[in-house]
C-alpha atoms as a PDB file:
ATOM      1  CA  MET A   1       0.000   0.000   0.000  1.00  0.00           C
ATOM      2  CA  VAL A   2       1.157   3.512  -0.746  1.00  0.00           C
ATOM      3  CA  GLN A   3       0.302   6.782   0.967  1.00  0.00           C
ATOM      4  CA  SER A   4       1.168  10.230  -0.279  1.00  0.00           C
ATOM      5  CA  VAL A   5       0.800  12.947   2.349  1.00  0.00           C
ATOM      6  CA  VAL A   6      -0.017  16.357   0.912  1.00  0.00           C
ATOM      7  CA  GLN A   7      -0.032  19.575   2.944  1.00  0.00           C
ATOM      8  CA  VAL A   8      -2.482  22.047   1.370  1.00  0.00           C
ATOM      9  CA  PRO A   9      -3.330  25.589   2.484  1.00  0.00           C
ATOM     10  CA  VAL A  10      -6.577  25.160   4.446  1.00  0.00           C
ATOM     11  CA  GLU A  11      -8.409  27.694   2.278  1.00  0.00           C
ATOM     12  CA  LYS A  12      -7.599  25.616  -0.836  1.00  0.00           C
ATOM     13  CA  THR A  13      -8.429  22.207   0.603  1.00  0.00           C
ATOM     14  CA  GLU A  14     -11.873  21.926  -1.022  1.00  0.00           C
ATOM     15  CA  GLU A  15     -10.376  22.842  -4.405  1.00  0.00           C
ATOM     16  CA  VAL A  16      -7.820  20.043  -4.104  1.00  0.00           C
ATOM     17  CA  ILE A  17     -10.467  17.568  -2.932  1.00  0.00           C
ATOM     18  CA  GLY A  18     -12.469  18.498  -6.042  1.00  0.00           C
ATOM     19  CA  LEU A  19      -9.459  17.756  -8.243  1.00  0.00           C
ATOM     20  CA  TYR A  20      -9.148  14.286  -6.741  1.00  0.00           C
ATOM     21  CA  ARG A  21     -12.889  13.647  -7.064  1.00  0.00           C
ATOM     22  CA  ASN A  22     -12.568  14.431 -10.772  1.00  0.00           C
ATOM     23  CA  ARG A  23      -9.260  12.598 -11.290  1.00  0.00           C
ATOM     24  CA  SER A  24      -8.579  10.851 -14.601  1.00  0.00           C
ATOM     25  CA  ARG A  25      -8.863   7.358 -13.049  1.00  0.00           C
ATOM     26  CA  SER A  26      -6.204   5.999 -15.413  1.00  0.00           C
ATOM     27  CA  VAL A  27      -4.487   4.417 -12.403  1.00  0.00           C
ATOM     28  CA  ASP A  28      -7.647   2.376 -11.790  1.00  0.00           C
ATOM     29  CA  LYS A  29      -6.977   0.461 -15.021  1.00  0.00           C
ATOM     30  CA  GLN A  30      -3.395  -0.460 -14.138  1.00  0.00           C
ATOM     31  CA  PRO A  31      -2.544  -4.136 -13.552  1.00  0.00           C
ATOM     32  CA  GLY A  32      -2.360  -4.813  -9.832  1.00  0.00           C
ATOM     33  CA  PHE A  33      -4.287  -1.697  -8.760  1.00  0.00           C
ATOM     34  CA  LEU A  34      -6.876  -2.448  -6.064  1.00  0.00           C
ATOM     35  CA  SER A  35      -8.169   0.806  -4.565  1.00  0.00           C
ATOM     36  CA  PHE A  36      -7.837   4.568  -4.178  1.00  0.00           C
ATOM     37  CA  GLN A  37      -8.970   6.750  -1.290  1.00  0.00           C
ATOM     38  CA  LEU A  38      -8.421  10.395  -0.462  1.00  0.00           C
ATOM     39  CA  LEU A  39      -8.315  10.906   3.299  1.00  0.00           C
ATOM     40  CA  GLN A  40      -8.503  14.201   5.190  1.00  0.00           C
ATOM     41  CA  ASN A  41      -6.991  14.636   8.638  1.00  0.00           C
ATOM     42  CA  GLU A  42      -9.810  15.519  11.051  1.00  0.00           C
ATOM     43  CA  VAL A  43      -7.531  17.610  13.276  1.00  0.00           C
ATOM     44  CA  LYS A  44      -5.426  19.239  10.517  1.00  0.00           C
ATOM     45  CA  PRO A  45      -7.847  19.715   7.577  1.00  0.00           C
ATOM     46  CA  GLY A  46      -5.055  20.876   5.261  1.00  0.00           C
ATOM     47  CA  GLU A  47      -3.420  17.446   5.459  1.00  0.00           C
ATOM     48  CA  LEU A  48      -4.674  15.104   2.754  1.00  0.00           C
ATOM     49  CA  ILE A  49      -3.526  11.540   2.229  1.00  0.00           C
ATOM     50  CA  VAL A  50      -3.771   9.727  -1.070  1.00  0.00           C
ATOM     51  CA  HIS A  51      -4.083   6.066  -0.113  1.00  0.00           C
ATOM     52  CA  MET A  52      -3.661   3.434  -2.827  1.00  0.00           C
ATOM     53  CA  THR A  53      -3.626  -0.327  -2.467  1.00  0.00           C
ATOM     54  CA  TRP A  54      -1.810  -2.578  -4.944  1.00  0.00           C
ATOM     55  CA  THR A  55      -1.530  -6.342  -5.233  1.00  0.00           C
ATOM     56  CA  ASN A  56       2.255  -6.068  -5.036  1.00  0.00           C
ATOM     57  CA  LYS A  57       5.185  -3.676  -5.101  1.00  0.00           C
ATOM     58  CA  GLU A  58       6.040  -4.500  -8.723  1.00  0.00           C
ATOM     59  CA  SER A  59       2.597  -3.329  -9.905  1.00  0.00           C
ATOM     60  CA  TYR A  60       3.035  -0.008  -8.110  1.00  0.00           C
ATOM     61  CA  LEU A  61       6.554   0.469  -9.500  1.00  0.00           C
ATOM     62  CA  SER A  62       5.276  -0.312 -12.983  1.00  0.00           C
ATOM     63  CA  TRP A  63       2.656   2.433 -12.555  1.00  0.00           C
ATOM     64  CA  VAL A  64       5.102   5.113 -11.359  1.00  0.00           C
ATOM     65  CA  THR A  65       7.392   4.449 -14.307  1.00  0.00           C
ATOM     66  CA  SER A  66       4.560   4.410 -16.861  1.00  0.00           C
ATOM     67  CA  ASP A  67       3.905   7.065 -19.508  1.00  0.00           C
ATOM     68  CA  ASP A  68       0.425   7.672 -18.015  1.00  0.00           C
ATOM     69  CA  PHE A  69       1.920   8.473 -14.612  1.00  0.00           C
ATOM     70  CA  LYS A  70       4.445  10.871 -16.151  1.00  0.00           C
ATOM     71  CA  ARG A  71       1.763  12.574 -18.276  1.00  0.00           C
ATOM     72  CA  ILE A  72      -0.571  13.096 -15.302  1.00  0.00           C
ATOM     73  CA  HIS A  73       2.168  14.505 -13.109  1.00  0.00           C
ATOM     74  CA  GLU A  74       3.369  16.838 -15.868  1.00  0.00           C
ATOM     75  CA  LEU A  75      -0.189  18.205 -16.091  1.00  0.00           C
ATOM     76  CA  GLU A  76      -0.155  18.824 -12.337  1.00  0.00           C
ATOM     77  CA  LYS A  77       2.932  21.016 -12.733  1.00  0.00           C
ATOM     78  CA  LYS A  78       0.998  23.172 -15.227  1.00  0.00           C
ATOM     79  CA  TYR A  79      -1.958  23.756 -12.884  1.00  0.00           C
ATOM     80  CA  PRO A  80      -2.859  27.482 -12.950  1.00  0.00           C
ATOM     81  CA  ASP A  81      -2.512  27.898  -9.165  1.00  0.00           C
ATOM     82  CA  GLN A  82       1.254  27.626  -8.806  1.00  0.00           C
ATOM     83  CA  GLU A  83       1.066  27.355  -5.021  1.00  0.00           C
ATOM     84  CA  LEU A  84      -0.865  24.093  -5.472  1.00  0.00           C
ATOM     85  CA  ALA A  85       1.202  22.975  -8.468  1.00  0.00           C
ATOM     86  CA  ASN A  86       4.392  23.215  -6.406  1.00  0.00           C
ATOM     87  CA  ILE A  87       3.212  21.072  -3.493  1.00  0.00           C
ATOM     88  CA  LYS A  88       5.481  18.064  -3.052  1.00  0.00           C
ATOM     89  CA  PRO A  89       3.853  15.017  -1.462  1.00  0.00           C
ATOM     90  CA  ILE A  90       5.616  12.800   1.039  1.00  0.00           C
ATOM     91  CA  VAL A  91       5.305   9.247  -0.307  1.00  0.00           C
ATOM     92  CA  ARG A  92       5.310   6.305   2.075  1.00  0.00           C
ATOM     93  CA  ARG A  93       5.151   2.647   1.066  1.00  0.00           C
ATOM     94  CA  TYR A  94       3.923  -0.073   3.416  1.00  0.00           C
ATOM     95  CA  THR A  95       3.792  -3.853   3.396  1.00  0.00           C
ATOM     96  CA  VAL A  96       0.873  -5.633   5.053  1.00  0.00           C
ATOM     97  CA  ARG A  97       2.268  -7.951   7.721  1.00  0.00           C
ATOM     98  CA  ALA A  98      -0.982  -9.102   9.323  1.00  0.00           C
ATOM     99  CA  ASP A  99      -4.704  -8.707   8.734  1.00  0.00           C
END
């Protein structure tokens, strides 16, 4: 599973949530992709977490090296609001050890 933590100015949080609600969904079609969730911290509303679950690490790595991934992230850099376009997520990868 992969989590990307994004710190957003609180006044722009709803705008960013809207972007994720209207995302391209190309990742959903990738081999090994299981689920996507956007989480919002209840105490710090400007902290958003993109949570994705994959069948295995190789599937995730295949996605992040794909042309689709590169194209989507290049579009993000061209977003009109440069404050949002320049946000750098903190990416964390986890392995399920028990469930």
